[in-house]
C-alpha atoms as a PDB file:
ATOM      1  CA  UNK A   1      74.953  -1.355  70.631  1.00  0.00           C
ATOM      2  CA  UNK A   2      72.764  -3.281  68.208  1.00  0.00           C
ATOM      3  CA  UNK A   3      71.750   0.011  66.522  1.00  0.00           C
ATOM      4  CA  UNK A   4      75.405   0.905  66.044  1.00  0.00           C
ATOM      5  CA  UNK A   5      76.093  -2.514  64.545  1.00  0.00           C
ATOM      6  CA  UNK A   6      73.301  -2.139  61.965  1.00  0.00           C
ATOM      7  CA  UNK A   7      74.310   1.453  61.287  1.00  0.00           C
ATOM      8  CA  UNK A   8      77.880   0.343  60.578  1.00  0.00           C
ATOM      9  CA  UNK A   9      76.622  -2.583  58.480  1.00  0.00           C
ATOM     10  CA  UNK A  10      74.410  -0.249  56.445  1.00  0.00           C
ATOM     11  CA  UNK A  11      77.346   2.115  55.935  1.00  0.00           C
ATOM     12  CA  UNK A  12      79.595  -0.704  54.715  1.00  0.00           C
ATOM     13  CA  UNK A  13      76.926  -2.156  52.420  1.00  0.00           C
ATOM     14  CA  UNK A  14      76.310   1.244  50.856  1.00  0.00           C
ATOM     15  CA  UNK A  15      80.014   1.520  49.963  1.00  0.00           C
ATOM     16  CA  UNK A  16      80.266   0.949  46.185  1.00  0.00           C
ATOM     17  CA  UNK A  17      83.579  -0.908  46.457  1.00  0.00           C
ATOM     18  CA  UNK A  18      82.185  -3.349  49.024  1.00  0.00           C
ATOM     19  CA  UNK A  19      79.001  -3.954  47.028  1.00  0.00           C
ATOM     20  CA  UNK A  20      81.026  -4.392  43.838  1.00  0.00           C
ATOM     21  CA  UNK A  21      83.322  -6.831  45.634  1.00  0.00           C
ATOM     22  CA  UNK A  22      80.347  -8.954  46.763  1.00  0.00           C
ATOM     23  CA  UNK A  23      78.879  -8.996  43.238  1.00  0.00           C
ATOM     24  CA  UNK A  24      82.288  -9.777  41.690  1.00  0.00           C
ATOM     25  CA  UNK A  25      82.910 -12.571  44.195  1.00  0.00           C
ATOM     26  CA  UNK A  26      79.477 -14.022  43.410  1.00  0.00           C
ATOM     27  CA  UNK A  27      80.158 -13.980  39.665  1.00  0.00           C
ATOM     28  CA  UNK A  28      83.658 -15.456  39.909  1.00  0.00           C
ATOM     29  CA  UNK A  29      82.620 -18.132  42.431  1.00  0.00           C
ATOM     30  CA  UNK A  30      79.290 -19.078  40.904  1.00  0.00           C
ATOM     31  CA  UNK A  31      79.832 -22.759  41.704  1.00  0.00           C
ATOM     32  CA  UNK A  32      79.588 -21.954  45.413  1.00  0.00           C
ATOM     33  CA  UNK A  33      76.069 -20.589  44.980  1.00  0.00           C
ATOM     34  CA  UNK A  34      75.009 -23.635  42.990  1.00  0.00           C
ATOM     35  CA  UNK A  35      76.449 -25.894  45.677  1.00  0.00           C
ATOM     36  CA  UNK A  36      74.683 -24.024  48.478  1.00  0.00           C
ATOM     37  CA  UNK A  37      71.262 -23.839  46.846  1.00  0.00           C
ATOM     38  CA  UNK A  38      71.126 -26.910  44.624  1.00  0.00           C
ATOM     39  CA  UNK A  39      73.270 -29.710  46.023  1.00  0.00           C
ATOM     40  CA  UNK A  40      72.608 -31.884  48.994  1.00  0.00           C
ATOM     41  CA  UNK A  41      75.317 -33.783  50.895  1.00  0.00           C
ATOM     42  CA  UNK A  42      74.569 -36.989  48.994  1.00  0.00           C
ATOM     43  CA  UNK A  43      74.811 -35.241  45.599  1.00  0.00           C
ATOM     44  CA  UNK A  44      78.101 -33.647  46.643  1.00  0.00           C
ATOM     45  CA  UNK A  45      79.557 -37.058  47.408  1.00  0.00           C
ATOM     46  CA  UNK A  46      78.508 -38.277  43.939  1.00  0.00           C
ATOM     47  CA  UNK A  47      80.736 -35.535  42.467  1.00  0.00           C
ATOM     48  CA  UNK A  48      83.692 -36.791  44.507  1.00  0.00           C
ATOM     49  CA  UNK A  49      83.527 -34.385  47.447  1.00  0.00           C
ATOM     50  CA  UNK A  50      83.047 -35.322  51.094  1.00  0.00           C
ATOM     51  CA  UNK A  51      80.678 -32.439  51.860  1.00  0.00           C
ATOM     52  CA  UNK A  52      79.514 -29.079  50.451  1.00  0.00           C
ATOM     53  CA  UNK A  53      82.211 -27.421  52.574  1.00  0.00           C
ATOM     54  CA  UNK A  54      84.841 -29.582  50.890  1.00  0.00           C
ATOM     55  CA  UNK A  55      83.481 -28.581  47.426  1.00  0.00           C
ATOM     56  CA  UNK A  56      83.529 -24.883  48.378  1.00  0.00           C
ATOM     57  CA  UNK A  57      87.066 -25.069  49.812  1.00  0.00           C
ATOM     58  CA  UNK A  58      88.292 -26.761  46.636  1.00  0.00           C
ATOM     59  CA  UNK A  59      86.657 -24.168  44.364  1.00  0.00           C
ATOM     60  CA  UNK A  60      87.531 -21.007  46.322  1.00  0.00           C
ATOM     61  CA  UNK A  61      91.183 -20.057  46.617  1.00  0.00           C
ATOM     62  CA  UNK A  62      92.921 -16.867  47.731  1.00  0.00           C
ATOM     63  CA  UNK A  63      93.100 -15.795  44.102  1.00  0.00           C
ATOM     64  CA  UNK A  64      89.470 -16.537  43.204  1.00  0.00           C
ATOM     65  CA  UNK A  65      88.138 -15.627  46.636  1.00  0.00           C
ATOM     66  CA  UNK A  66      89.915 -12.309  47.172  1.00  0.00           C
ATOM     67  CA  UNK A  67      92.322 -11.034  44.485  1.00  0.00           C
ATOM     68  CA  UNK A  68      90.137 -11.457  41.380  1.00  0.00           C
ATOM     69  CA  UNK A  69      86.941 -10.044  42.968  1.00  0.00           C
ATOM     70  CA  UNK A  70      88.886  -7.130  44.466  1.00  0.00           C
ATOM     71  CA  UNK A  71      90.500  -6.258  41.102  1.00  0.00           C
ATOM     72  CA  UNK A  72      87.190  -6.601  39.273  1.00  0.00           C
ATOM     73  CA  UNK A  73      85.414  -4.445  41.885  1.00  0.00           C
ATOM     74  CA  UNK A  74      88.141  -1.780  41.736  1.00  0.00           C
ATOM     75  CA  UNK A  75      87.971  -1.698  37.933  1.00  0.00           C
ATOM     76  CA  UNK A  76      84.202  -1.397  38.093  1.00  0.00           C
ATOM     77  CA  UNK A  77      84.282   1.426  40.669  1.00  0.00           C
ATOM     78  CA  UNK A  78      86.952   3.331  38.721  1.00  0.00           C
ATOM     79  CA  UNK A  79      85.800   2.711  35.146  1.00  0.00           C
ATOM     80  CA  UNK A  80      82.017   2.805  35.568  1.00  0.00           C
ATOM     81  CA  UNK A  81      81.735   6.629  35.940  1.00  0.00           C
ATOM     82  CA  UNK A  82      83.937   7.095  32.863  1.00  0.00           C
ATOM     83  CA  UNK A  83      81.948   4.534  30.900  1.00  0.00           C
ATOM     84  CA  UNK A  84      78.670   6.090  32.061  1.00  0.00           C
ATOM     85  CA  UNK A  85      79.793   9.529  30.823  1.00  0.00           C
ATOM     86  CA  UNK A  86      80.884   8.041  27.498  1.00  0.00           C
ATOM     87  CA  UNK A  87      77.455   6.444  27.170  1.00  0.00           C
ATOM     88  CA  UNK A  88      75.803   9.825  27.860  1.00  0.00           C
ATOM     89  CA  UNK A  89      78.004  11.493  25.226  1.00  0.00           C
ATOM     90  CA  UNK A  90      77.183   8.745  22.734  1.00  0.00           C
ATOM     91  CA  UNK A  91      73.446   9.030  23.451  1.00  0.00           C
ATOM     92  CA  UNK A  92      73.578  12.824  23.079  1.00  0.00           C
ATOM     93  CA  UNK A  93      75.339  12.451  19.728  1.00  0.00           C
ATOM     94  CA  UNK A  94      72.802   9.870  18.548  1.00  0.00           C
ATOM     95  CA  UNK A  95      69.925  12.130  19.690  1.00  0.00           C
ATOM     96  CA  UNK A  96      71.431  15.025  17.723  1.00  0.00           C
ATOM     97  CA  UNK A  97      71.853  12.913  14.595  1.00  0.00           C
ATOM     98  CA  UNK A  98      68.354  11.487  15.021  1.00  0.00           C
ATOM     99  CA  UNK A  99      66.901  14.968  15.477  1.00  0.00           C
ATOM    100  CA  UNK A 100      68.587  16.130  12.269  1.00  0.00           C
ATOM    101  CA  UNK A 101      67.182  13.110  10.425  1.00  0.00           C
ATOM    102  CA  UNK A 102      63.711  13.856  11.763  1.00  0.00           C
ATOM    103  CA  UNK A 103      63.936  17.454  10.534  1.00  0.00           C
ATOM    104  CA  UNK A 104      65.078  16.296   7.086  1.00  0.00           C
ATOM    105  CA  UNK A 105      62.379  13.644   6.871  1.00  0.00           C
ATOM    106  CA  UNK A 106      59.635  15.900   8.241  1.00  0.00           C
ATOM    107  CA  UNK A 107      60.102  18.310   5.337  1.00  0.00           C
ATOM    108  CA  UNK A 108      58.542  15.585   3.159  1.00  0.00           C
ATOM    109  CA  UNK A 109      55.844  14.487   5.582  1.00  0.00           C
ATOM    110  CA  UNK A 110      52.076  14.810   5.419  1.00  0.00           C
ATOM    111  CA  UNK A 111      50.653  17.845   7.191  1.00  0.00           C
ATOM    112  CA  UNK A 112      47.882  17.395   9.793  1.00  0.00           C
ATOM    113  CA  UNK A 113      44.522  18.791   8.683  1.00  0.00           C
ATOM    114  CA  UNK A 114      44.464  21.428  11.466  1.00  0.00           C
ATOM    115  CA  UNK A 115      47.823  22.808  10.351  1.00  0.00           C
ATOM    116  CA  UNK A 116      46.757  22.730   6.702  1.00  0.00           C
ATOM    117  CA  UNK A 117      43.509  24.579   7.435  1.00  0.00           C
ATOM    118  CA  UNK A 118      45.184  27.262   9.556  1.00  0.00           C
ATOM    119  CA  UNK A 119      47.892  27.831   6.956  1.00  0.00           C
ATOM    120  CA  UNK A 120      45.290  27.902   4.157  1.00  0.00           C
ATOM    121  CA  UNK A 121      43.247  30.498   6.064  1.00  0.00           C
ATOM    122  CA  UNK A 122      46.383  32.598   6.581  1.00  0.00           C
ATOM    123  CA  UNK A 123      47.234  32.324   2.882  1.00  0.00           C
ATOM    124  CA  UNK A 124      43.669  33.293   1.911  1.00  0.00           C
ATOM    125  CA  UNK A 125      43.857  36.378   4.167  1.00  0.00           C
ATOM    126  CA  UNK A 126      47.168  37.384   2.607  1.00  0.00           C
ATOM    127  CA  UNK A 127      45.760  36.832  -0.892  1.00  0.00           C
ATOM    128  CA  UNK A 128      42.723  39.009  -0.096  1.00  0.00           C
ATOM    129  CA  UNK A 129      44.958  41.764   1.227  1.00  0.00           C
ATOM    130  CA  UNK A 130      47.091  41.595  -1.907  1.00  0.00           C
ATOM    131  CA  UNK A 131      44.010  41.759  -4.162  1.00  0.00           C
ATOM    132  CA  UNK A 132      42.715  44.802  -2.277  1.00  0.00           C
ATOM    133  CA  UNK A 133      46.101  46.471  -2.634  1.00  0.00           C
ATOM    134  CA  UNK A 134      46.159  45.621  -6.346  1.00  0.00           C
ATOM    135  CA  UNK A 135      42.687  47.105  -6.831  1.00  0.00           C
ATOM    136  CA  UNK A 136      43.704  50.170  -4.872  1.00  0.00           C
ATOM    137  CA  UNK A 137      46.829  50.510  -6.978  1.00  0.00           C
ATOM    138  CA  UNK A 138      44.837  50.039 -10.191  1.00  0.00           C
ATOM    139  CA  UNK A 139      42.426  52.781  -9.012  1.00  0.00           C
ATOM    140  CA  UNK A 140      45.401  55.076  -8.439  1.00  0.00           C
ATOM    141  CA  UNK A 141      46.793  54.133 -11.827  1.00  0.00           C
ATOM    142  CA  UNK A 142      43.490  54.918 -13.543  1.00  0.00           C
ATOM    143  CA  UNK A 143      43.321  58.222 -11.673  1.00  0.00           C
ATOM    144  CA  UNK A 144      46.885  59.012 -12.744  1.00  0.00           C
ATOM    145  CA  UNK A 145      46.033  58.268 -16.403  1.00  0.00           C
ATOM    146  CA  UNK A 146      42.922  60.490 -16.198  1.00  0.00           C
ATOM    147  CA  UNK A 147      44.911  63.315 -14.585  1.00  0.00           C
ATOM    148  CA  UNK A 148      47.643  63.004 -17.222  1.00  0.00           C
ATOM    149  CA  UNK A 149      44.994  63.221 -19.978  1.00  0.00           C
ATOM    150  CA  UNK A 150      43.483  66.283 -18.313  1.00  0.00           C
ATOM    151  CA  UNK A 151      46.958  67.815 -18.066  1.00  0.00           C
ATOM    152  CA  UNK A 152      47.572  67.144 -21.735  1.00  0.00           C
ATOM    153  CA  UNK A 153      44.215  68.728 -22.636  1.00  0.00           C
ATOM    154  CA  UNK A 154      44.957  71.755 -20.476  1.00  0.00           C
ATOM    155  CA  UNK A 155      48.443  72.080 -21.951  1.00  0.00           C
ATOM    156  CA  UNK A 156      46.989  71.898 -25.470  1.00  0.00           C
ATOM    157  CA  UNK A 157      44.351  74.484 -24.606  1.00  0.00           C
ATOM    158  CA  UNK A 158      46.999  76.703 -22.968  1.00  0.00           C
ATOM    159  CA  UNK A 159      49.115  76.517 -26.073  1.00  0.00           C
ATOM    160  CA  UNK A 160      46.114  77.329 -28.267  1.00  0.00           C
ATOM    161  CA  UNK A 161      45.129  80.255 -26.062  1.00  0.00           C
ATOM    162  CA  UNK A 162      48.719  81.495 -25.917  1.00  0.00           C
ATOM    163  CA  UNK A 163      48.898  81.350 -29.681  1.00  0.00           C
ATOM    164  CA  UNK A 164      45.622  83.248 -30.005  1.00  0.00           C
ATOM    165  CA  UNK A 165      46.789  85.837 -27.455  1.00  0.00           C
ATOM    166  CA  UNK A 166      50.007  86.415 -29.400  1.00  0.00           C
ATOM    167  CA  UNK A 167      48.039  86.859 -32.597  1.00  0.00           C
ATOM    168  CA  UNK A 168      45.749  89.371 -30.954  1.00  0.00           C
ATOM    169  CA  UNK A 169      48.710  91.177 -29.496  1.00  0.00           C
ATOM    170  CA  UNK A 170      50.336  91.229 -32.867  1.00  0.00           C
ATOM    171  CA  UNK A 171      47.217  93.037 -34.267  1.00  0.00           C
ATOM    172  CA  UNK A 172      47.594  95.745 -31.688  1.00  0.00           C
ATOM    173  CA  UNK A 173      51.215  96.206 -32.533  1.00  0.00           C
ATOM    174  CA  UNK A 174      51.829  99.461 -34.391  1.00  0.00           C
ATOM    175  CA  UNK A 175      54.237  97.962 -36.820  1.00  0.00           C
ATOM    176  CA  UNK A 176      51.548  95.692 -38.110  1.00  0.00           C
ATOM    177  CA  UNK A 177      49.509  98.666 -39.458  1.00  0.00           C
ATOM    178  CA  UNK A 178      52.368 100.304 -41.176  1.00  0.00           C
END
């Protein structure tokens, strides 16, 4: 029976509306807590009350003891999930804007030495490869120029030989001797 009582008590205390009601009641009726923890019976009488119970009964009414805490608790239970989601949306938006600012700012930032050295090594390798390709291309270009010169020489010699062959042929032509 005692286990069931504590089980039921735990269930009720874990209810968000009940917990919110207790917190709301405590905020609205803050004078009760001060009276309970701070005042003694003699101090209560100095404030014009017969006892702490009399002070509490004069401060707490049906409105401040039940209606206002219940409304505040209901608003909290209903509006808190909506407000929490709005806060998450706002934070996500701020994170996105902040991330964009970081990207913009980081384009003008100093580069760590490790990154600089790795990128410099990569650039040096690419430069070496380009120089080798340029030398290879210049070798091919020189070879092309040499081959074109040889072709020109051979063409000139062919033309000279063709001209000589036509002259010789013209000597053997019968009409030449007549």
